[in-house]
Amino acid sequence: MDWKNRSAYVFIKTQKGKDHEIWKRFQSWNNVIGTWLVDGNWDVIVWFDASDWDTIHKCVETIKEW
């Protein structure tokens, strides 16, 4: 992986009972380095790495549509 890329963590709050489904959707994304189910104020944390910020913003837009 080229660590010169842009990297960002995204913290996601899901609808009740949807956390595992959302976590599973990230398993096939090319820009995802890691994703975790967590307790507390957030349900899923996703670590993205992309060649530019626009790609990360598009990923976040997709998540919001879910």
PDB file of N, CA and C in Angstrom:
ATOM      1  N   MET A   1       0.844  -1.182   0.000  1.00  0.00           N
ATOM      2  CA  MET A   1       0.000   0.000   0.000  1.00  0.00           C
ATOM      3  C   MET A   1       0.885   1.240   0.000  1.00  0.00           C
ATOM      4  N   ASP A   2       0.484   2.225  -0.765  1.00  0.00           N
ATOM      5  CA  ASP A   2       1.223   3.476  -0.863  1.00  0.00           C
ATOM      6  C   ASP A   2       0.790   4.411   0.254  1.00  0.00           C
ATOM      7  N   TRP A   3       1.624   4.570   1.266  1.00  0.00           N
ATOM      8  CA  TRP A   3       1.264   5.371   2.434  1.00  0.00           C
ATOM      9  C   TRP A   3       1.325   6.863   2.163  1.00  0.00           C
ATOM     10  N   LYS A   4       1.590   7.260   0.921  1.00  0.00           N
ATOM     11  CA  LYS A   4       1.493   8.668   0.550  1.00  0.00           C
ATOM     12  C   LYS A   4       0.037   9.051   0.283  1.00  0.00           C
ATOM     13  N   ASN A   5      -0.836   8.058   0.245  1.00  0.00           N
ATOM     14  CA  ASN A   5      -2.255   8.312   0.046  1.00  0.00           C
ATOM     15  C   ASN A   5      -2.846   9.037   1.244  1.00  0.00           C
ATOM     16  N   ARG A   6      -4.049   9.543   1.092  1.00  0.00           N
ATOM     17  CA  ARG A   6      -4.760  10.202   2.183  1.00  0.00           C
ATOM     18  C   ARG A   6      -5.443   9.132   3.026  1.00  0.00           C
ATOM     19  N   SER A   7      -5.426   9.308   4.314  1.00  0.00           N
ATOM     20  CA  SER A   7      -5.990   8.320   5.215  1.00  0.00           C
ATOM     21  C   SER A   7      -6.955   9.004   6.166  1.00  0.00           C
ATOM     22  N   ALA A   8      -8.085   8.345   6.460  1.00  0.00           N
ATOM     23  CA  ALA A   8      -9.078   8.931   7.355  1.00  0.00           C
ATOM     24  C   ALA A   8      -9.849   7.832   8.069  1.00  0.00           C
ATOM     25  N   TYR A   9     -10.204   8.105   9.312  1.00  0.00           N
ATOM     26  CA  TYR A   9     -11.122   7.247  10.055  1.00  0.00           C
ATOM     27  C   TYR A   9     -12.510   7.852   9.960  1.00  0.00           C
ATOM     28  N   VAL A  10     -13.518   7.011   9.748  1.00  0.00           N
ATOM     29  CA  VAL A  10     -14.901   7.463   9.729  1.00  0.00           C
ATOM     30  C   VAL A  10     -15.632   6.718  10.835  1.00  0.00           C
ATOM     31  N   PHE A  11     -16.293   7.470  11.698  1.00  0.00           N
ATOM     32  CA  PHE A  11     -17.067   6.908  12.808  1.00  0.00           C
ATOM     33  C   PHE A  11     -18.529   6.923  12.407  1.00  0.00           C
ATOM     34  N   ILE A  12     -19.190   5.770  12.500  1.00  0.00           N
ATOM     35  CA  ILE A  12     -20.545   5.626  11.975  1.00  0.00           C
ATOM     36  C   ILE A  12     -21.503   5.193  13.078  1.00  0.00           C
ATOM     37  N   LYS A  13     -22.619   5.887  13.167  1.00  0.00           N
ATOM     38  CA  LYS A  13     -23.723   5.514  14.042  1.00  0.00           C
ATOM     39  C   LYS A  13     -24.805   4.929  13.142  1.00  0.00           C
ATOM     40  N   THR A  14     -25.230   3.709  13.412  1.00  0.00           N
ATOM     41  CA  THR A  14     -26.222   3.042  12.568  1.00  0.00           C
ATOM     42  C   THR A  14     -27.582   3.004  13.263  1.00  0.00           C
ATOM     43  N   GLN A  15     -28.576   2.596  12.498  1.00  0.00           N
ATOM     44  CA  GLN A  15     -29.871   2.314  13.106  1.00  0.00           C
ATOM     45  C   GLN A  15     -29.715   1.070  13.963  1.00  0.00           C
ATOM     46  N   LYS A  16     -30.513   0.973  14.991  1.00  0.00           N
ATOM     47  CA  LYS A  16     -30.425  -0.158  15.915  1.00  0.00           C
ATOM     48  C   LYS A  16     -30.500  -1.488  15.160  1.00  0.00           C
ATOM     49  N   GLY A  17     -29.528  -2.342  15.424  1.00  0.00           N
ATOM     50  CA  GLY A  17     -29.491  -3.675  14.829  1.00  0.00           C
ATOM     51  C   GLY A  17     -28.884  -3.745  13.433  1.00  0.00           C
ATOM     52  N   LYS A  18     -28.428  -2.629  12.885  1.00  0.00           N
ATOM     53  CA  LYS A  18     -27.876  -2.605  11.532  1.00  0.00           C
ATOM     54  C   LYS A  18     -26.351  -2.583  11.508  1.00  0.00           C
ATOM     55  N   ASP A  19     -25.708  -2.541  12.669  1.00  0.00           N
ATOM     56  CA  ASP A  19     -24.254  -2.376  12.721  1.00  0.00           C
ATOM     57  C   ASP A  19     -23.502  -3.485  12.002  1.00  0.00           C
ATOM     58  N   HIS A  20     -23.898  -4.737  12.190  1.00  0.00           N
ATOM     59  CA  HIS A  20     -23.184  -5.852  11.553  1.00  0.00           C
ATOM     60  C   HIS A  20     -23.356  -5.807  10.038  1.00  0.00           C
ATOM     61  N   GLU A  21     -24.546  -5.462   9.582  1.00  0.00           N
ATOM     62  CA  GLU A  21     -24.806  -5.352   8.141  1.00  0.00           C
ATOM     63  C   GLU A  21     -23.935  -4.264   7.505  1.00  0.00           C
ATOM     64  N   ILE A  22     -23.849  -3.113   8.156  1.00  0.00           N
ATOM     65  CA  ILE A  22     -23.032  -2.015   7.647  1.00  0.00           C
ATOM     66  C   ILE A  22     -21.557  -2.412   7.669  1.00  0.00           C
ATOM     67  N   TRP A  23     -21.108  -3.004   8.761  1.00  0.00           N
ATOM     68  CA  TRP A  23     -19.717  -3.467   8.870  1.00  0.00           C
ATOM     69  C   TRP A  23     -19.388  -4.426   7.729  1.00  0.00           C
ATOM     70  N   LYS A  24     -20.295  -5.329   7.419  1.00  0.00           N
ATOM     71  CA  LYS A  24     -20.086  -6.334   6.373  1.00  0.00           C
ATOM     72  C   LYS A  24     -19.936  -5.692   4.988  1.00  0.00           C
ATOM     73  N   ARG A  25     -20.650  -4.596   4.743  1.00  0.00           N
ATOM     74  CA  ARG A  25     -20.584  -3.938   3.438  1.00  0.00           C
ATOM     75  C   ARG A  25     -19.173  -3.448   3.103  1.00  0.00           C
ATOM     76  N   PHE A  26     -18.395  -3.135   4.106  1.00  0.00           N
ATOM     77  CA  PHE A  26     -17.050  -2.608   3.873  1.00  0.00           C
ATOM     78  C   PHE A  26     -16.027  -3.683   3.522  1.00  0.00           C
ATOM     79  N   GLN A  27     -16.355  -4.930   3.683  1.00  0.00           N
ATOM     80  CA  GLN A  27     -15.403  -6.011   3.460  1.00  0.00           C
ATOM     81  C   GLN A  27     -14.905  -6.070   2.022  1.00  0.00           C
ATOM     82  N   SER A  28     -15.677  -5.549   1.068  1.00  0.00           N
ATOM     83  CA  SER A  28     -15.273  -5.621  -0.337  1.00  0.00           C
ATOM     84  C   SER A  28     -14.785  -4.281  -0.901  1.00  0.00           C
ATOM     85  N   TRP A  29     -14.725  -3.242  -0.082  1.00  0.00           N
ATOM     86  CA  TRP A  29     -14.276  -1.928  -0.568  1.00  0.00           C
ATOM     87  C   TRP A  29     -12.758  -1.909  -0.707  1.00  0.00           C
ATOM     88  N   ASN A  30     -12.279  -1.438  -1.859  1.00  0.00           N
ATOM     89  CA  ASN A  30     -10.836  -1.382  -2.118  1.00  0.00           C
ATOM     90  C   ASN A  30     -10.115  -0.368  -1.237  1.00  0.00           C
ATOM     91  N   ASN A  31     -10.772   0.715  -0.867  1.00  0.00           N
ATOM     92  CA  ASN A  31     -10.113   1.789  -0.129  1.00  0.00           C
ATOM     93  C   ASN A  31     -10.116   1.574   1.382  1.00  0.00           C
ATOM     94  N   VAL A  32     -10.679   0.483   1.848  1.00  0.00           N
ATOM     95  CA  VAL A  32     -10.772   0.246   3.293  1.00  0.00           C
ATOM     96  C   VAL A  32      -9.575  -0.562   3.768  1.00  0.00           C
ATOM     97  N   ILE A  33      -8.889  -0.021   4.766  1.00  0.00           N
ATOM     98  CA  ILE A  33      -7.769  -0.724   5.388  1.00  0.00           C
ATOM     99  C   ILE A  33      -8.284  -1.622   6.507  1.00  0.00           C
ATOM    100  N   GLY A  34      -9.241  -1.126   7.274  1.00  0.00           N
ATOM    101  CA  GLY A  34      -9.800  -1.894   8.381  1.00  0.00           C
ATOM    102  C   GLY A  34     -11.155  -1.351   8.772  1.00  0.00           C
ATOM    103  N   THR A  35     -11.957  -2.191   9.391  1.00  0.00           N
ATOM    104  CA  THR A  35     -13.271  -1.782   9.887  1.00  0.00           C
ATOM    105  C   THR A  35     -13.579  -2.567  11.149  1.00  0.00           C
ATOM    106  N   TRP A  36     -14.153  -1.881  12.136  1.00  0.00           N
ATOM    107  CA  TRP A  36     -14.391  -2.491  13.441  1.00  0.00           C
ATOM    108  C   TRP A  36     -15.783  -2.185  13.951  1.00  0.00           C
ATOM    109  N   LEU A  37     -16.405  -3.174  14.586  1.00  0.00           N
ATOM    110  CA  LEU A  37     -17.636  -2.962  15.351  1.00  0.00           C
ATOM    111  C   LEU A  37     -17.210  -2.519  16.739  1.00  0.00           C
ATOM    112  N   VAL A  38     -17.818  -1.449  17.254  1.00  0.00           N
ATOM    113  CA  VAL A  38     -17.422  -0.912  18.545  1.00  0.00           C
ATOM    114  C   VAL A  38     -18.648  -0.618  19.403  1.00  0.00           C
ATOM    115  N   ASP A  39     -18.428  -0.499  20.700  1.00  0.00           N
ATOM    116  CA  ASP A  39     -19.469  -0.110  21.645  1.00  0.00           C
ATOM    117  C   ASP A  39     -19.346   1.382  21.935  1.00  0.00           C
ATOM    118  N   GLY A  40     -20.388   1.943  22.485  1.00  0.00           N
ATOM    119  CA  GLY A  40     -20.332   3.345  22.882  1.00  0.00           C
ATOM    120  C   GLY A  40     -21.171   4.222  21.973  1.00  0.00           C
ATOM    121  N   ASN A  41     -20.704   5.430  21.728  1.00  0.00           N
ATOM    122  CA  ASN A  41     -21.455   6.387  20.920  1.00  0.00           C
ATOM    123  C   ASN A  41     -21.491   6.034  19.440  1.00  0.00           C
ATOM    124  N   TRP A  42     -20.564   5.217  18.988  1.00  0.00           N
ATOM    125  CA  TRP A  42     -20.481   4.830  17.579  1.00  0.00           C
ATOM    126  C   TRP A  42     -20.665   3.330  17.459  1.00  0.00           C
ATOM    127  N   ASP A  43     -21.047   2.867  16.273  1.00  0.00           N
ATOM    128  CA  ASP A  43     -21.263   1.439  16.052  1.00  0.00           C
ATOM    129  C   ASP A  43     -20.185   0.798  15.188  1.00  0.00           C
ATOM    130  N   VAL A  44     -19.683   1.566  14.222  1.00  0.00           N
ATOM    131  CA  VAL A  44     -18.683   1.047  13.288  1.00  0.00           C
ATOM    132  C   VAL A  44     -17.621   2.125  13.077  1.00  0.00           C
ATOM    133  N   ILE A  45     -16.363   1.707  13.052  1.00  0.00           N
ATOM    134  CA  ILE A  45     -15.264   2.598  12.670  1.00  0.00           C
ATOM    135  C   ILE A  45     -14.633   2.013  11.418  1.00  0.00           C
ATOM    136  N   VAL A  46     -14.408   2.880  10.430  1.00  0.00           N
ATOM    137  CA  VAL A  46     -13.809   2.448   9.161  1.00  0.00           C
ATOM    138  C   VAL A  46     -12.566   3.281   8.901  1.00  0.00           C
ATOM    139  N   TRP A  47     -11.493   2.626   8.510  1.00  0.00           N
ATOM    140  CA  TRP A  47     -10.250   3.300   8.173  1.00  0.00           C
ATOM    141  C   TRP A  47     -10.081   3.247   6.657  1.00  0.00           C
ATOM    142  N   PHE A  48     -10.141   4.419   6.018  1.00  0.00           N
ATOM    143  CA  PHE A  48     -10.009   4.542   4.577  1.00  0.00           C
ATOM    144  C   PHE A  48      -8.607   5.003   4.208  1.00  0.00           C
ATOM    145  N   ASP A  49      -8.165   4.600   3.035  1.00  0.00           N
ATOM    146  CA  ASP A  49      -6.951   5.135   2.445  1.00  0.00           C
ATOM    147  C   ASP A  49      -7.225   5.307   0.959  1.00  0.00           C
ATOM    148  N   ALA A  50      -6.985   6.497   0.446  1.00  0.00           N
ATOM    149  CA  ALA A  50      -7.283   6.776  -0.955  1.00  0.00           C
ATOM    150  C   ALA A  50      -6.255   7.745  -1.511  1.00  0.00           C
ATOM    151  N   SER A  51      -6.181   7.826  -2.830  1.00  0.00           N
ATOM    152  CA  SER A  51      -5.184   8.677  -3.464  1.00  0.00           C
ATOM    153  C   SER A  51      -5.524  10.159  -3.370  1.00  0.00           C
ATOM    154  N   ASP A  52      -6.793  10.474  -3.074  1.00  0.00           N
ATOM    155  CA  ASP A  52      -7.182  11.883  -2.959  1.00  0.00           C
ATOM    156  C   ASP A  52      -8.385  12.003  -2.021  1.00  0.00           C
ATOM    157  N   TRP A  53      -8.614  13.225  -1.551  1.00  0.00           N
ATOM    158  CA  TRP A  53      -9.711  13.465  -0.607  1.00  0.00           C
ATOM    159  C   TRP A  53     -11.069  13.278  -1.262  1.00  0.00           C
ATOM    160  N   ASP A  54     -11.188  13.534  -2.570  1.00  0.00           N
ATOM    161  CA  ASP A  54     -12.471  13.359  -3.248  1.00  0.00           C
ATOM    162  C   ASP A  54     -12.965  11.926  -3.141  1.00  0.00           C
ATOM    163  N   THR A  55     -12.055  10.973  -3.236  1.00  0.00           N
ATOM    164  CA  THR A  55     -12.437   9.568  -3.114  1.00  0.00           C
ATOM    165  C   THR A  55     -12.998   9.292  -1.723  1.00  0.00           C
ATOM    166  N   ILE A  56     -12.349   9.809  -0.702  1.00  0.00           N
ATOM    167  CA  ILE A  56     -12.844   9.618   0.664  1.00  0.00           C
ATOM    168  C   ILE A  56     -14.209  10.287   0.831  1.00  0.00           C
ATOM    169  N   HIS A  57     -14.365  11.489   0.297  1.00  0.00           N
ATOM    170  CA  HIS A  57     -15.658  12.178   0.394  1.00  0.00           C
ATOM    171  C   HIS A  57     -16.766  11.389  -0.307  1.00  0.00           C
ATOM    172  N   LYS A  58     -16.443  10.776  -1.443  1.00  0.00           N
ATOM    173  CA  LYS A  58     -17.431   9.946  -2.148  1.00  0.00           C
ATOM    174  C   LYS A  58     -17.803   8.722  -1.323  1.00  0.00           C
ATOM    175  N   CYS A  59     -16.831   8.138  -0.644  1.00  0.00           N
ATOM    176  CA  CYS A  59     -17.117   7.004   0.238  1.00  0.00           C
ATOM    177  C   CYS A  59     -18.071   7.425   1.352  1.00  0.00           C
ATOM    178  N   VAL A  60     -17.824   8.572   1.944  1.00  0.00           N
ATOM    179  CA  VAL A  60     -18.679   9.073   3.030  1.00  0.00           C
ATOM    180  C   VAL A  60     -20.087   9.355   2.485  1.00  0.00           C
ATOM    181  N   GLU A  61     -20.205   9.913   1.291  1.00  0.00           N
ATOM    182  CA  GLU A  61     -21.509  10.157   0.691  1.00  0.00           C
ATOM    183  C   GLU A  61     -22.273   8.859   0.511  1.00  0.00           C
ATOM    184  N   THR A  62     -21.588   7.813   0.066  1.00  0.00           N
ATOM    185  CA  THR A  62     -22.227   6.507  -0.097  1.00  0.00           C
ATOM    186  C   THR A  62     -22.744   5.981   1.226  1.00  0.00           C
ATOM    187  N   ILE A  63     -21.938   6.118   2.275  1.00  0.00           N
ATOM    188  CA  ILE A  63     -22.339   5.651   3.606  1.00  0.00           C
ATOM    189  C   ILE A  63     -23.590   6.399   4.068  1.00  0.00           C
ATOM    190  N   LYS A  64     -23.631   7.699   3.865  1.00  0.00           N
ATOM    191  CA  LYS A  64     -24.797   8.489   4.267  1.00  0.00           C
ATOM    192  C   LYS A  64     -26.058   8.057   3.558  1.00  0.00           C
ATOM    193  N   GLU A  65     -25.935   7.598   2.310  1.00  0.00           N
ATOM    194  CA  GLU A  65     -27.091   7.113   1.546  1.00  0.00           C
ATOM    195  C   GLU A  65     -27.657   5.828   2.131  1.00  0.00           C
ATOM    196  N   TRP A  66     -26.803   5.039   2.795  1.00  0.00           N
ATOM    197  CA  TRP A  66     -27.273   3.794   3.396  1.00  0.00           C
ATOM    198  C   TRP A  66     -28.248   4.077   4.494  1.00  0.00           C
TER     199      TRP A  66
END
